C-alpha atoms as a PDB file:
ATOM      1  CA  UNK A   1      76.011  89.769 102.216  1.00  0.00           C
ATOM      2  CA  UNK A   2      77.480  91.982 104.992  1.00  0.00           C
ATOM      3  CA  UNK A   3      75.362  90.043 107.504  1.00  0.00           C
ATOM      4  CA  UNK A   4      76.822  86.726 106.352  1.00  0.00           C
ATOM      5  CA  UNK A   5      80.356  88.143 106.385  1.00  0.00           C
ATOM      6  CA  UNK A   6      79.787  89.548 109.900  1.00  0.00           C
ATOM      7  CA  UNK A   7      78.481  86.132 111.026  1.00  0.00           C
ATOM      8  CA  UNK A   8      81.586  84.402 109.694  1.00  0.00           C
ATOM      9  CA  UNK A   9      83.963  86.840 111.413  1.00  0.00           C
ATOM     10  CA  UNK A  10      82.071  86.417 114.680  1.00  0.00           C
ATOM     11  CA  UNK A  11      81.904  82.635 114.546  1.00  0.00           C
ATOM     12  CA  UNK A  12      83.476  81.516 117.866  1.00  0.00           C
ATOM     13  CA  UNK A  13      86.457  79.766 116.239  1.00  0.00           C
ATOM     14  CA  UNK A  14      87.207  82.616 113.804  1.00  0.00           C
ATOM     15  CA  UNK A  15      86.689  85.216 116.521  1.00  0.00           C
ATOM     16  CA  UNK A  16      89.199  83.483 118.809  1.00  0.00           C
ATOM     17  CA  UNK A  17      91.822  83.371 116.061  1.00  0.00           C
ATOM     18  CA  UNK A  18      91.255  87.046 115.209  1.00  0.00           C
ATOM     19  CA  UNK A  19      91.465  88.120 118.875  1.00  0.00           C
ATOM     20  CA  UNK A  20      94.605  85.994 119.435  1.00  0.00           C
ATOM     21  CA  UNK A  21      96.088  87.499 116.260  1.00  0.00           C
ATOM     22  CA  UNK A  22      95.368  90.994 117.622  1.00  0.00           C
ATOM     23  CA  UNK A  23      96.999  90.120 120.956  1.00  0.00           C
ATOM     24  CA  UNK A  24      99.990  88.627 119.107  1.00  0.00           C
ATOM     25  CA  UNK A  25     100.491  91.889 117.187  1.00  0.00           C
ATOM     26  CA  UNK A  26     100.039  94.020 120.287  1.00  0.00           C
ATOM     27  CA  UNK A  27     102.622  91.858 122.081  1.00  0.00           C
ATOM     28  CA  UNK A  28     105.077  92.224 119.188  1.00  0.00           C
ATOM     29  CA  UNK A  29     104.615  96.024 119.237  1.00  0.00           C
ATOM     30  CA  UNK A  30     105.302  96.052 122.980  1.00  0.00           C
ATOM     31  CA  UNK A  31     108.360  93.799 122.711  1.00  0.00           C
ATOM     32  CA  UNK A  32     109.759  95.804 119.792  1.00  0.00           C
ATOM     33  CA  UNK A  33     110.027  98.865 122.047  1.00  0.00           C
ATOM     34  CA  UNK A  34     112.215  96.924 124.513  1.00  0.00           C
ATOM     35  CA  UNK A  35     114.155  94.925 121.897  1.00  0.00           C
ATOM     36  CA  UNK A  36     114.264  97.175 118.822  1.00  0.00           C
ATOM     37  CA  UNK A  37     116.814  95.206 116.816  1.00  0.00           C
ATOM     38  CA  UNK A  38     115.619  91.726 117.716  1.00  0.00           C
ATOM     39  CA  UNK A  39     113.867  89.855 114.887  1.00  0.00           C
ATOM     40  CA  UNK A  40     110.555  88.401 116.063  1.00  0.00           C
ATOM     41  CA  UNK A  41     107.520  86.801 114.531  1.00  0.00           C
ATOM     42  CA  UNK A  42     104.333  85.092 115.533  1.00  0.00           C
ATOM     43  CA  UNK A  43     101.590  82.732 114.469  1.00  0.00           C
ATOM     44  CA  UNK A  44      98.073  82.697 115.909  1.00  0.00           C
ATOM     45  CA  UNK A  45      95.562  79.882 116.250  1.00  0.00           C
ATOM     46  CA  UNK A  46      92.361  79.297 118.271  1.00  0.00           C
ATOM     47  CA  UNK A  47      94.326  78.303 121.386  1.00  0.00           C
ATOM     48  CA  UNK A  48      96.655  81.299 121.503  1.00  0.00           C
ATOM     49  CA  UNK A  49      99.781  82.198 119.593  1.00  0.00           C
ATOM     50  CA  UNK A  50     103.422  81.297 119.072  1.00  0.00           C
ATOM     51  CA  UNK A  51     106.138  83.898 119.431  1.00  0.00           C
ATOM     52  CA  UNK A  52     109.516  83.245 117.815  1.00  0.00           C
ATOM     53  CA  UNK A  53     112.396  85.473 118.881  1.00  0.00           C
ATOM     54  CA  UNK A  54     115.290  85.501 121.294  1.00  0.00           C
ATOM     55  CA  UNK A  55     113.625  87.353 124.179  1.00  0.00           C
ATOM     56  CA  UNK A  56     113.484  86.413 127.860  1.00  0.00           C
ATOM     57  CA  UNK A  57     110.344  84.700 129.113  1.00  0.00           C
ATOM     58  CA  UNK A  58     109.853  87.407 131.762  1.00  0.00           C
ATOM     59  CA  UNK A  59     109.832  90.044 129.002  1.00  0.00           C
ATOM     60  CA  UNK A  60     107.252  88.037 127.053  1.00  0.00           C
ATOM     61  CA  UNK A  61     105.065  87.720 130.153  1.00  0.00           C
ATOM     62  CA  UNK A  62     105.245  91.470 130.794  1.00  0.00           C
ATOM     63  CA  UNK A  63     104.624  92.320 127.138  1.00  0.00           C
ATOM     64  CA  UNK A  64     101.595  90.023 126.850  1.00  0.00           C
ATOM     65  CA  UNK A  65     100.094  91.461 130.048  1.00  0.00           C
ATOM     66  CA  UNK A  66     100.712  95.043 128.889  1.00  0.00           C
ATOM     67  CA  UNK A  67      99.396  94.316 125.383  1.00  0.00           C
ATOM     68  CA  UNK A  68      96.188  92.751 126.703  1.00  0.00           C
ATOM     69  CA  UNK A  69      95.617  95.620 129.147  1.00  0.00           C
ATOM     70  CA  UNK A  70      96.168  98.217 126.417  1.00  0.00           C
ATOM     71  CA  UNK A  71      93.820  96.426 124.009  1.00  0.00           C
ATOM     72  CA  UNK A  72      91.153  96.218 126.729  1.00  0.00           C
ATOM     73  CA  UNK A  73      91.674  99.941 127.362  1.00  0.00           C
ATOM     74  CA  UNK A  74      90.752 100.627 123.735  1.00  0.00           C
ATOM     75  CA  UNK A  75      94.111 100.802 121.895  1.00  0.00           C
ATOM     76  CA  UNK A  76      92.762  98.809 118.928  1.00  0.00           C
ATOM     77  CA  UNK A  77      95.530 100.081 116.635  1.00  0.00           C
ATOM     78  CA  UNK A  78      97.975  97.737 118.423  1.00  0.00           C
ATOM     79  CA  UNK A  79      96.241  94.793 116.712  1.00  0.00           C
ATOM     80  CA  UNK A  80      97.568  95.898 113.302  1.00  0.00           C
ATOM     81  CA  UNK A  81     101.233  95.262 112.482  1.00  0.00           C
ATOM     82  CA  UNK A  82     103.195  96.313 109.376  1.00  0.00           C
ATOM     83  CA  UNK A  83     104.996  92.954 109.128  1.00  0.00           C
ATOM     84  CA  UNK A  84     101.884  90.797 109.233  1.00  0.00           C
ATOM     85  CA  UNK A  85     101.544  87.952 106.754  1.00  0.00           C
ATOM     86  CA  UNK A  86      98.286  89.559 105.617  1.00  0.00           C
ATOM     87  CA  UNK A  87     100.381  92.418 104.206  1.00  0.00           C
ATOM     88  CA  UNK A  88     102.714  90.059 102.374  1.00  0.00           C
ATOM     89  CA  UNK A  89      99.876  87.971 100.899  1.00  0.00           C
ATOM     90  CA  UNK A  90      97.920  91.076  99.835  1.00  0.00           C
ATOM     91  CA  UNK A  91     100.998  92.625  98.214  1.00  0.00           C
ATOM     92  CA  UNK A  92     101.961  89.402  96.457  1.00  0.00           C
ATOM     93  CA  UNK A  93      98.448  88.806  95.156  1.00  0.00           C
ATOM     94  CA  UNK A  94      97.964  92.351  93.857  1.00  0.00           C
ATOM     95  CA  UNK A  95     101.379  92.638  92.208  1.00  0.00           C
ATOM     96  CA  UNK A  96     101.034  89.174  90.666  1.00  0.00           C
ATOM     97  CA  UNK A  97      97.600  90.037  89.283  1.00  0.00           C
ATOM     98  CA  UNK A  98      98.926  93.356  87.962  1.00  0.00           C
ATOM     99  CA  UNK A  99     101.776  91.595  86.177  1.00  0.00           C
ATOM    100  CA  UNK A 100      99.429  88.992  84.725  1.00  0.00           C
ATOM    101  CA  UNK A 101      96.970  91.684  83.590  1.00  0.00           C
ATOM    102  CA  UNK A 102      99.778  93.574  81.855  1.00  0.00           C
ATOM    103  CA  UNK A 103     100.634  90.452  79.865  1.00  0.00           C
ATOM    104  CA  UNK A 104      97.072  89.795  78.659  1.00  0.00           C
ATOM    105  CA  UNK A 105      96.865  89.629  74.868  1.00  0.00           C
ATOM    106  CA  UNK A 106     100.612  89.785  74.324  1.00  0.00           C
ATOM    107  CA  UNK A 107     101.930  88.020  71.241  1.00  0.00           C
ATOM    108  CA  UNK A 108     103.864  84.749  71.275  1.00  0.00           C
ATOM    109  CA  UNK A 109     107.275  86.233  70.477  1.00  0.00           C
ATOM    110  CA  UNK A 110     109.829  87.050  73.180  1.00  0.00           C
ATOM    111  CA  UNK A 111     110.044  90.561  71.753  1.00  0.00           C
ATOM    112  CA  UNK A 112     106.286  91.022  72.327  1.00  0.00           C
ATOM    113  CA  UNK A 113     106.748  90.063  75.942  1.00  0.00           C
ATOM    114  CA  UNK A 114     109.798  92.279  76.422  1.00  0.00           C
ATOM    115  CA  UNK A 115     107.924  95.254  74.978  1.00  0.00           C
ATOM    116  CA  UNK A 116     105.352  94.828  77.755  1.00  0.00           C
ATOM    117  CA  UNK A 117     107.975  94.896  80.525  1.00  0.00           C
ATOM    118  CA  UNK A 118     107.582  98.647  81.231  1.00  0.00           C
ATOM    119  CA  UNK A 119     103.805  98.183  81.590  1.00  0.00           C
ATOM    120  CA  UNK A 120     104.340  95.175  83.892  1.00  0.00           C
ATOM    121  CA  UNK A 121     106.717  97.212  86.069  1.00  0.00           C
ATOM    122  CA  UNK A 122     104.370 100.199  86.176  1.00  0.00           C
ATOM    123  CA  UNK A 123     101.288  98.159  87.092  1.00  0.00           C
ATOM    124  CA  UNK A 124     103.215  96.099  89.651  1.00  0.00           C
ATOM    125  CA  UNK A 125     104.520  99.312  91.246  1.00  0.00           C
ATOM    126  CA  UNK A 126     101.009 100.772  91.368  1.00  0.00           C
ATOM    127  CA  UNK A 127      99.723  97.530  92.908  1.00  0.00           C
ATOM    128  CA  UNK A 128     102.523  97.657  95.483  1.00  0.00           C
ATOM    129  CA  UNK A 129     101.578 101.212  96.454  1.00  0.00           C
ATOM    130  CA  UNK A 130      97.856 100.370  96.716  1.00  0.00           C
ATOM    131  CA  UNK A 131      98.485  97.149  98.623  1.00  0.00           C
ATOM    132  CA  UNK A 132     100.014  98.883 101.650  1.00  0.00           C
ATOM    133  CA  UNK A 133      96.902 100.710 102.899  1.00  0.00           C
ATOM    134  CA  UNK A 134      94.611  97.949 101.635  1.00  0.00           C
ATOM    135  CA  UNK A 135      96.492  95.272 103.587  1.00  0.00           C
ATOM    136  CA  UNK A 136      96.370  97.313 106.795  1.00  0.00           C
ATOM    137  CA  UNK A 137      92.602  97.722 106.314  1.00  0.00           C
ATOM    138  CA  UNK A 138      92.188  93.990 105.701  1.00  0.00           C
ATOM    139  CA  UNK A 139      94.100  93.323 108.922  1.00  0.00           C
ATOM    140  CA  UNK A 140      92.048  95.791 110.962  1.00  0.00           C
ATOM    141  CA  UNK A 141      88.684  94.558 109.662  1.00  0.00           C
ATOM    142  CA  UNK A 142      89.197  90.888 108.858  1.00  0.00           C
ATOM    143  CA  UNK A 143      92.321  89.028 110.007  1.00  0.00           C
ATOM    144  CA  UNK A 144      92.753  90.618 113.448  1.00  0.00           C
ATOM    145  CA  UNK A 145      90.485  91.987 116.143  1.00  0.00           C
ATOM    146  CA  UNK A 146      91.553  94.797 118.454  1.00  0.00           C
ATOM    147  CA  UNK A 147      88.769  94.061 120.919  1.00  0.00           C
ATOM    148  CA  UNK A 148      89.920  91.123 123.062  1.00  0.00           C
ATOM    149  CA  UNK A 149      86.601  90.736 124.875  1.00  0.00           C
ATOM    150  CA  UNK A 150      86.950  88.085 127.577  1.00  0.00           C
ATOM    151  CA  UNK A 151      90.289  86.853 126.233  1.00  0.00           C
ATOM    152  CA  UNK A 152      92.781  86.033 128.983  1.00  0.00           C
ATOM    153  CA  UNK A 153      96.165  84.380 129.169  1.00  0.00           C
ATOM    154  CA  UNK A 154      96.111  80.841 130.495  1.00  0.00           C
ATOM    155  CA  UNK A 155      99.810  79.943 130.313  1.00  0.00           C
ATOM    156  CA  UNK A 156     103.092  81.022 128.760  1.00  0.00           C
ATOM    157  CA  UNK A 157     105.719  78.384 128.103  1.00  0.00           C
ATOM    158  CA  UNK A 158     109.170  78.486 126.531  1.00  0.00           C
ATOM    159  CA  UNK A 159     110.802  76.010 124.155  1.00  0.00           C
ATOM    160  CA  UNK A 160     114.393  76.035 122.929  1.00  0.00           C
ATOM    161  CA  UNK A 161     114.694  73.772 119.850  1.00  0.00           C
ATOM    162  CA  UNK A 162     118.301  74.321 118.794  1.00  0.00           C
ATOM    163  CA  UNK A 163     119.079  78.018 118.394  1.00  0.00           C
ATOM    164  CA  UNK A 164     115.426  79.059 118.236  1.00  0.00           C
ATOM    165  CA  UNK A 165     113.594  80.557 121.170  1.00  0.00           C
ATOM    166  CA  UNK A 166     109.860  79.937 120.969  1.00  0.00           C
ATOM    167  CA  UNK A 167     107.171  80.962 123.422  1.00  0.00           C
ATOM    168  CA  UNK A 168     103.672  79.506 123.391  1.00  0.00           C
ATOM    169  CA  UNK A 169     101.038  81.859 124.753  1.00  0.00           C
ATOM    170  CA  UNK A 170      97.851  79.939 125.519  1.00  0.00           C
ATOM    171  CA  UNK A 171      94.602  81.863 125.904  1.00  0.00           C
ATOM    172  CA  UNK A 172      90.992  81.252 126.835  1.00  0.00           C
ATOM    173  CA  UNK A 173      87.814  83.239 126.522  1.00  0.00           C
END
């Protein structure tokens, strides 16, 4: 099975998304140093990634270039970000499953359900604690790639729909 899983992760389309996702995270880490209080987010796809946040285009260009150089120099840890959707999905799934497991076999009365509330809270808290390191591992091994390979930036463009500032970073390789 590991061979099949490895083949899937290295499929050209999946690999591009994972490498773009790693570059997106590395860019967000780099921008966060310059704009520490500025909310930012991103979304990766096979053609590059979107960056949402009120930051100047020149800063985005510099951050993307620095992020790519640092990844190519071996700083793979930049590809993992604490605010990644992978973390939120992992945490939600584990805490939801923990809550559901705690309610297995409970009686039909409201009182039966209320009596299980401490167990639900305890299992959900345990799941929350376990999800943090698990989600970071899932990011590092599955949803991102800290080795950009031949990835390069093709173009960076800016859009301003209303109050939003969105940058599109297109890649190739």
